[in-house]
Amino acid sequence: MATVRYLGSKARVVGQILDLVGPPSEQDGFFVDAFCGTGVVAARAADLGWPVRINDHLRSATIMARAQLVSSSDAPFAELGGYEAALARLNALPGRDGFFWREYSPASETGRMYFTEENARRIDAIRDQINRWEASGALSGTERDLLVADLIAAANQVANIAGTYGCFLSRWSQSALRDLRLEPRKLRPAPVEHEVHSRDVLDVPVSPQDVAYYDPPYTKRQYAAYYHILETLAWGDEPEVTGKTGLRPWRDKASDYCYKSRALDALASLLRSAPAKRIFLSYSNEGHVDLDELIARIEPLGEVTLHELAAIGRYRPNRAASAAGEEVIEYVVELEQAAVAEEEGAVT
C-alpha cells in the first residue's frame, strides 16, 4: 500500500535489489533495513521469507514501514470490534479545532495551506481518538501504529503539497479539496518475524549472520525537515512550530549523510563498523559521494561489487529539480567482508 511519495523511494527498483540479496538460507539471520523509509524494501524481503529488522531515525518512517509487516493476527482490534470497525468509528468522528487546524490550515495565524480547515479538523479528531484509545488500553502498540500509518496515508492523499512537506501550495489542488478518509489496508495473512527500532544507524543491532541493507540520504535534503508534519502525526504531540512552513524542531535529527563535506566519511565509517558478512548499500548518481572514492575506501574490507540498476524518473517538485535532468541512475554497492568470513570460519 503506497502511503507517501518519499524522497529516494526504492519502489521502482526493489525487485532488482532483492534479486541481488536473494532468499534467506538456514544459516542467515535478519534482513536489516537500517534506513527503512516507508518500508518497501523490508516488505519485499519479508515476502521472500526473511525475518526483518527495520530502523529509521524518523518515527513516522518506522510506523509506515511496520504497517507493511503487520498480519491480521498481530492487530485483531478485539476491544473495538475489529480493524475495519475501528476505521469506521474514526471516519465517523466530527472534526475538532485542534493542533492541525490551528497550525496547518488557513485558520493558522500565517494562513498555512497544508490542509483545508475541515480536513485539518478531521486529522485532529482522529489523532486525538487514537491517543484516547491507547490511554484506555483499547489498543496494543501494534494496533496504534497501524491506525497512525493509515492516518498518515489518508492525510497524504489530501495534503496540499507538491510531494514533500517542505512547503505547501499557494492554491488548492483538486486532491486537497477531497474529504479525508481512512481506508483499510490488506494485512498479511500470516505473522512476519520482525523488530522495529528508531535510533542512530550505528546503534542498530547487526550480527555476522544478518544481511545489512543501507539506503542513506544522498543529497542535502534533510528528511526530518521535509517530513516534519508526518513526524507530528506519528508522535501525536503539539510541538512549538516556527516559520512560514510551521517546522517542528528537527535539527537534533539532522543527518551527516546530507552534508557533502561529511557524507563520504560517514558512509565509510558505517560500512566499516557493520559486522554483517553481506552488506548492500543503495546509492545514486546524484548523491554527494563519488562511488569510486567510496569503493576505494572500503575495498580493504573484502570483495566489492558495483551493480547498476535501472534509471528512474527524477523526483521533480520544482523547476530547479526539473532542470537537473530527467533520470537518476540507481546503484547498489555489494560488500562481502573478508574479516567476518574468516571469523565465522574460525568459530565453526
Protein backbone atom coordinates (compact mmCIF):
# COMPACT_ATOMS: atom_id res chain seq x y z
CA MET A 1 0.00 0.00 0.00
CA ALA A 2 1.66 3.24 -1.14
CA THR A 3 1.40 5.86 1.58
CA VAL A 4 3.78 8.73 0.83
CA ARG A 5 5.74 9.82 -2.20
CA TYR A 6 9.08 9.55 -0.44
CA LEU A 7 12.41 11.04 -1.47
CA GLY A 8 14.73 8.26 -2.62
CA SER A 9 11.99 5.61 -2.57
CA LYS A 10 13.13 2.24 -3.93
CA ALA A 11 9.63 1.19 -5.03
CA ARG A 12 10.67 1.05 -8.69
CA VAL A 13 13.89 -0.93 -8.14
CA VAL A 14 13.03 -3.05 -5.11
CA GLY A 15 12.79 -6.20 -7.21
CA GLN A 16 16.31 -5.72 -8.52
CA ILE A 17 17.64 -5.10 -5.02
CA LEU A 18 16.12 -8.29 -3.62
CA ASP A 19 17.31 -10.26 -6.65
CA LEU A 20 20.84 -9.36 -5.51
CA VAL A 21 20.13 -10.26 -1.90
CA GLY A 22 18.29 -13.48 -2.65
CA PRO A 23 16.11 -15.56 -0.29
CA PRO A 24 17.38 -16.50 3.18
CA SER A 25 19.25 -19.71 3.87
CA GLU A 26 19.12 -21.72 7.08
CA GLN A 27 22.33 -20.01 8.24
CA ASP A 28 21.07 -16.47 7.65
CA GLY A 29 19.81 -14.14 10.37
CA PHE A 30 17.78 -10.97 9.84
CA PHE A 31 17.42 -8.72 6.84
CA VAL A 32 18.37 -5.43 8.49
CA ASP A 33 16.88 -2.38 6.75
CA ALA A 34 18.60 0.33 8.73
CA PHE A 35 17.23 3.36 6.81
CA CYS A 36 13.83 1.82 6.17
CA GLY A 37 11.90 4.85 4.93
CA THR A 38 8.37 3.76 4.03
CA GLY A 39 9.41 0.10 4.17
CA VAL A 40 9.07 -1.08 0.57
CA VAL A 41 12.40 -2.96 0.65
CA ALA A 42 11.78 -4.55 4.04
CA ALA A 43 8.31 -5.64 2.93
CA ARG A 44 9.69 -7.34 -0.18
CA ALA A 45 12.37 -9.05 1.91
CA ALA A 46 9.63 -10.36 4.21
CA ASP A 47 7.78 -11.66 1.15
CA LEU A 48 10.87 -13.75 0.37
CA GLY A 49 10.86 -15.26 3.83
CA TRP A 50 13.37 -13.06 5.63
CA PRO A 51 12.84 -12.11 9.27
CA VAL A 52 13.13 -8.34 9.18
CA ARG A 53 14.69 -5.73 11.46
CA ILE A 54 13.72 -2.17 10.49
CA ASN A 55 15.12 1.13 11.70
CA ASP A 56 14.84 4.81 10.89
CA HIS A 57 15.57 7.92 12.92
CA LEU A 58 12.10 9.19 11.96
CA ARG A 59 9.27 7.66 13.94
CA SER A 60 6.87 8.29 11.05
CA ALA A 61 9.05 6.13 8.78
CA THR A 62 9.14 3.18 11.14
CA ILE A 63 5.36 3.39 11.60
CA MET A 64 4.77 3.37 7.84
CA ALA A 65 7.25 0.52 7.38
CA ARG A 66 5.86 -1.55 10.25
CA ALA A 67 2.35 -1.33 8.82
CA GLN A 68 3.54 -3.30 5.79
CA LEU A 69 4.69 -6.16 8.04
CA VAL A 70 1.57 -6.50 10.19
CA SER A 71 -0.70 -9.54 9.93
CA SER A 72 -4.37 -9.84 10.86
CA SER A 73 -3.45 -11.81 13.96
CA ASP A 74 -0.98 -9.08 15.03
CA ALA A 75 -3.77 -6.49 15.09
CA PRO A 76 -7.15 -8.07 15.92
CA PHE A 77 -8.61 -4.87 17.45
CA ALA A 78 -10.56 -7.10 19.83
CA GLU A 79 -11.63 -4.16 22.04
CA LEU A 80 -13.01 -2.21 19.07
CA GLY A 81 -14.82 -4.87 17.06
CA GLY A 82 -12.10 -5.49 14.50
CA TYR A 83 -9.84 -3.46 12.23
CA GLU A 84 -12.46 -2.17 9.79
CA ALA A 85 -14.83 -1.32 12.63
CA ALA A 86 -12.12 0.80 14.26
CA LEU A 87 -11.56 2.68 11.00
CA ALA A 88 -15.28 3.22 10.57
CA ARG A 89 -15.52 4.73 14.04
CA LEU A 90 -12.62 7.09 13.27
CA ASN A 91 -14.15 8.12 9.94
CA ALA A 92 -17.45 8.93 11.67
CA LEU A 93 -15.92 11.36 14.16
CA PRO A 94 -16.91 15.03 13.95
CA GLY A 95 -13.97 17.35 13.42
CA ARG A 96 -12.40 19.32 16.25
CA ASP A 97 -10.42 22.57 16.42
CA GLY A 98 -7.06 21.16 17.48
CA PHE A 99 -3.37 21.48 16.69
CA PHE A 100 -3.52 20.73 12.97
CA TRP A 101 -6.44 23.08 12.44
CA ARG A 102 -4.62 25.77 14.43
CA GLU A 103 -1.21 25.39 12.72
CA TYR A 104 -1.59 23.75 9.30
CA SER A 105 -4.83 25.10 7.85
CA PRO A 106 -5.89 28.62 6.77
CA ALA A 107 -7.07 29.09 10.37
CA SER A 108 -3.40 29.43 11.41
CA GLU A 109 -2.03 32.91 12.11
CA THR A 110 0.05 32.79 8.92
CA GLY A 111 -2.67 31.15 6.82
CA ARG A 112 -0.81 27.91 6.12
CA MET A 113 -2.48 25.82 3.45
CA TYR A 114 -1.28 22.26 4.05
CA PHE A 115 -4.87 21.10 4.65
CA THR A 116 -8.33 22.58 4.33
CA GLU A 117 -9.84 23.59 7.63
CA GLU A 118 -12.27 20.67 7.53
CA ASN A 119 -9.59 18.08 6.81
CA ALA A 120 -7.33 19.55 9.49
CA ARG A 121 -10.21 19.25 11.98
CA ARG A 122 -10.70 15.62 10.97
CA ILE A 123 -6.99 14.89 11.46
CA ASP A 124 -7.19 16.43 14.94
CA ALA A 125 -10.24 14.39 15.87
CA ILE A 126 -8.81 11.11 14.61
CA ARG A 127 -5.37 11.54 16.18
CA ASP A 128 -6.94 12.54 19.49
CA GLN A 129 -9.17 9.45 19.47
CA ILE A 130 -6.20 7.18 18.78
CA ASN A 131 -4.46 8.74 21.79
CA ARG A 132 -7.56 8.18 23.93
CA TRP A 133 -7.93 4.55 22.87
CA GLU A 134 -4.27 3.92 23.62
CA ALA A 135 -4.51 5.56 27.05
CA SER A 136 -7.56 3.45 27.93
CA GLY A 137 -5.84 0.20 26.95
CA ALA A 138 -8.15 -0.42 23.98
CA LEU A 139 -5.19 -0.55 21.57
CA SER A 140 -1.98 -2.55 21.55
CA GLY A 141 1.18 -0.82 20.35
CA THR A 142 0.89 -2.60 17.01
CA GLU A 143 -2.75 -1.57 16.59
CA ARG A 144 -1.94 2.03 17.47
CA ASP A 145 0.86 2.18 14.90
CA LEU A 146 -1.34 0.63 12.23
CA LEU A 147 -4.04 3.27 12.76
CA VAL A 148 -1.45 6.06 12.74
CA ALA A 149 0.01 4.67 9.50
CA ASP A 150 -3.48 4.72 8.00
CA LEU A 151 -3.94 8.32 9.14
CA ILE A 152 -0.59 9.28 7.58
CA ALA A 153 -1.70 7.66 4.32
CA ALA A 154 -5.06 9.42 4.39
CA ALA A 155 -3.55 12.81 5.25
CA ASN A 156 -1.05 12.47 2.43
CA GLN A 157 -3.88 11.92 -0.05
CA VAL A 158 -5.38 15.33 0.77
CA ALA A 159 -2.24 17.32 1.60
CA ASN A 160 -1.83 20.49 -0.46
CA ILE A 161 1.81 19.82 -1.37
CA ALA A 162 3.99 19.12 -4.40
CA GLY A 163 5.39 15.93 -2.90
CA THR A 164 7.05 16.65 0.43
CA TYR A 165 6.04 18.77 3.41
CA GLY A 166 8.88 21.24 2.91
CA CYS A 167 6.26 23.75 1.77
CA PHE A 168 2.60 23.98 0.81
CA LEU A 169 0.99 25.11 -2.45
CA SER A 170 -0.35 28.64 -2.72
CA ARG A 171 -3.55 27.40 -4.39
CA TRP A 172 -5.66 24.41 -3.52
CA SER A 173 -5.00 21.29 -5.57
CA GLN A 174 -8.00 19.19 -6.55
CA SER A 175 -6.87 16.35 -4.31
CA ALA A 176 -6.59 18.68 -1.30
CA LEU A 177 -10.30 19.54 -1.61
CA ARG A 178 -11.39 15.93 -1.18
CA ASP A 179 -12.59 14.73 2.21
CA LEU A 180 -10.01 12.90 4.29
CA ARG A 181 -10.94 9.25 4.79
CA LEU A 182 -9.10 6.31 6.34
CA GLU A 183 -9.02 3.21 4.15
CA PRO A 184 -8.28 -0.34 5.35
CA ARG A 185 -5.10 -1.87 4.01
CA LYS A 186 -4.58 -5.52 3.17
CA LEU A 187 -2.89 -7.08 6.16
CA ARG A 188 -0.57 -10.06 5.86
CA PRO A 189 -2.24 -13.46 6.18
CA ALA A 190 0.47 -14.79 8.48
CA PRO A 191 2.80 -13.14 11.01
CA VAL A 192 6.26 -11.98 9.91
CA GLU A 193 9.12 -12.11 12.39
CA HIS A 194 10.20 -8.50 12.73
CA GLU A 195 11.81 -5.99 15.04
CA VAL A 196 11.32 -2.22 15.00
CA HIS A 197 13.95 0.31 16.07
CA SER A 198 14.16 4.09 15.84
CA ARG A 199 17.73 5.04 16.69
CA ASP A 200 21.02 6.16 15.20
CA VAL A 201 22.02 3.78 12.43
CA LEU A 202 25.30 2.95 14.17
CA ASP A 203 23.33 1.62 17.15
CA VAL A 204 21.15 -0.80 15.18
CA PRO A 205 21.82 -4.43 16.18
CA VAL A 206 23.64 -6.33 13.40
CA SER A 207 25.26 -9.77 13.57
CA PRO A 208 27.58 -11.58 11.13
CA GLN A 209 24.67 -13.80 10.05
CA ASP A 210 22.48 -10.83 9.13
CA VAL A 211 22.26 -9.13 5.76
CA ALA A 212 22.64 -5.39 6.29
CA TYR A 213 20.92 -3.10 3.78
CA TYR A 214 21.62 0.63 3.89
CA ASP A 215 19.73 3.28 1.93
CA PRO A 216 21.04 6.56 3.38
CA PRO A 217 20.13 10.07 2.24
CA TYR A 218 22.06 11.06 -0.91
CA THR A 219 21.63 14.82 -1.05
CA LYS A 220 21.27 17.91 1.12
CA ARG A 221 17.55 17.29 1.74
CA GLN A 222 17.05 16.63 5.44
CA TYR A 223 14.21 14.16 5.86
CA ALA A 224 13.33 15.39 9.35
CA ALA A 225 12.52 18.79 7.87
CA TYR A 226 10.89 17.59 4.65
CA TYR A 227 8.52 15.26 6.52
CA HIS A 228 8.00 17.26 9.72
CA ILE A 229 4.20 17.03 9.58
CA LEU A 230 4.34 13.25 9.35
CA GLU A 231 6.53 13.24 12.46
CA THR A 232 3.89 15.23 14.32
CA LEU A 233 1.23 12.75 13.22
CA ALA A 234 3.46 9.89 14.34
CA TRP A 235 4.16 11.33 17.79
CA GLY A 236 0.69 12.71 18.37
CA ASP A 237 2.18 15.73 20.12
CA GLU A 238 1.84 19.50 19.80
CA PRO A 239 5.36 20.90 19.30
CA GLU A 240 6.20 24.57 19.08
CA VAL A 241 6.42 25.25 15.34
CA THR A 242 8.16 28.09 13.57
CA GLY A 243 8.40 29.90 10.25
CA LYS A 244 6.13 30.14 7.26
CA THR A 245 6.01 26.36 6.89
CA GLY A 246 5.46 25.60 10.57
CA LEU A 247 8.51 23.41 11.10
CA ARG A 248 8.69 21.36 14.29
CA PRO A 249 12.16 21.18 15.93
CA TRP A 250 14.21 18.85 13.74
CA ARG A 251 17.90 19.70 13.89
CA ASP A 252 18.61 17.03 16.51
CA LYS A 253 17.83 14.58 13.69
CA ALA A 254 20.00 16.25 11.04
CA SER A 255 21.97 13.62 9.15
CA ASP A 256 25.69 13.69 8.33
CA TYR A 257 24.86 11.90 5.08
CA CYS A 258 23.13 15.09 3.88
CA TYR A 259 26.29 17.22 4.15
CA LYS A 260 28.68 16.94 1.25
CA SER A 261 31.70 17.56 3.46
CA ARG A 262 30.76 14.71 5.85
CA ALA A 263 29.00 12.13 3.70
CA LEU A 264 32.00 10.11 2.47
CA ASP A 265 33.50 9.70 5.95
CA ALA A 266 30.08 8.87 7.38
CA LEU A 267 29.40 6.17 4.79
CA ALA A 268 32.85 4.64 5.04
CA SER A 269 32.60 4.54 8.84
CA LEU A 270 29.16 2.96 8.68
CA LEU A 271 30.30 0.15 6.40
CA ARG A 272 33.49 -0.43 8.39
CA SER A 273 31.55 -0.71 11.65
CA ALA A 274 28.87 -3.12 10.39
CA PRO A 275 29.69 -6.70 11.45
CA ALA A 276 27.45 -8.31 8.80
CA LYS A 277 29.22 -10.55 6.33
CA ARG A 278 27.00 -9.32 3.48
CA ILE A 279 26.25 -5.61 3.12
CA PHE A 280 24.23 -3.85 0.42
CA LEU A 281 24.31 -0.07 0.01
CA SER A 282 21.88 1.80 -2.24
CA TYR A 283 23.14 4.99 -3.82
CA SER A 284 22.58 7.09 -6.93
CA ASN A 285 24.48 9.20 -9.43
CA GLU A 286 23.11 12.41 -7.92
CA GLY A 287 24.49 11.70 -4.45
CA HIS A 288 27.14 13.71 -2.60
CA VAL A 289 29.63 10.82 -2.61
CA ASP A 290 31.62 9.71 -5.64
CA LEU A 291 31.20 5.94 -5.75
CA ASP A 292 34.76 5.34 -6.94
CA GLU A 293 36.01 7.15 -3.83
CA LEU A 294 33.72 5.14 -1.58
CA ILE A 295 34.76 1.85 -3.17
CA ALA A 296 38.44 2.77 -2.72
CA ARG A 297 37.75 3.34 0.99
CA ILE A 298 36.01 0.01 1.58
CA GLU A 299 37.95 -2.33 -0.74
CA PRO A 300 40.29 -3.36 2.12
CA LEU A 301 37.24 -4.81 3.90
CA GLY A 302 36.53 -7.51 1.33
CA GLU A 303 35.04 -8.15 -2.08
CA VAL A 304 33.19 -5.14 -3.50
CA THR A 305 30.80 -5.29 -6.47
CA LEU A 306 29.04 -2.28 -8.00
CA HIS A 307 25.65 -3.08 -9.52
CA GLU A 308 23.95 -0.56 -11.79
CA LEU A 309 20.18 -0.74 -11.54
CA ALA A 310 17.55 0.89 -13.72
CA ALA A 311 17.45 4.58 -14.45
CA ILE A 312 14.29 6.01 -12.90
CA GLY A 313 12.42 9.27 -13.39
CA ARG A 314 13.72 12.09 -11.23
CA TYR A 315 11.58 13.42 -8.41
CA ARG A 316 10.75 16.93 -9.66
CA PRO A 317 8.88 19.06 -7.11
CA ASN A 318 10.11 22.36 -8.60
CA ARG A 319 11.81 23.96 -11.61
CA ALA A 320 15.32 23.52 -10.24
CA ALA A 321 14.81 19.79 -9.89
CA SER A 322 13.29 19.56 -13.36
CA ALA A 323 16.27 21.37 -14.85
CA ALA A 324 18.65 18.82 -13.33
CA GLY A 325 17.60 16.16 -15.82
CA GLU A 326 15.00 13.51 -16.48
CA GLU A 327 16.53 10.46 -14.83
CA VAL A 328 18.50 9.23 -11.84
CA ILE A 329 20.66 6.11 -12.05
CA GLU A 330 20.36 3.85 -9.03
CA TYR A 331 23.27 1.67 -7.87
CA VAL A 332 23.84 -0.98 -5.25
CA VAL A 333 27.29 -1.43 -3.73
CA GLU A 334 27.65 -5.01 -2.51
CA LEU A 335 30.30 -5.80 0.08
CA GLU A 336 31.21 -9.28 1.29
CA GLN A 337 33.50 -8.75 4.22
CA ALA A 338 36.57 -10.98 4.33
CA ALA A 339 37.30 -10.46 8.03
CA VAL A 340 33.78 -11.51 9.03
CA ALA A 341 34.00 -14.59 6.82
CA GLU A 342 37.32 -15.55 8.43
CA GLU A 343 35.87 -15.07 11.93
CA GLU A 344 32.91 -17.29 11.09
CA GLY A 345 35.28 -19.95 9.79
CA ALA A 346 37.35 -19.78 12.95
CA VAL A 347 34.26 -20.20 15.14
CA THR A 348 32.88 -23.15 13.24
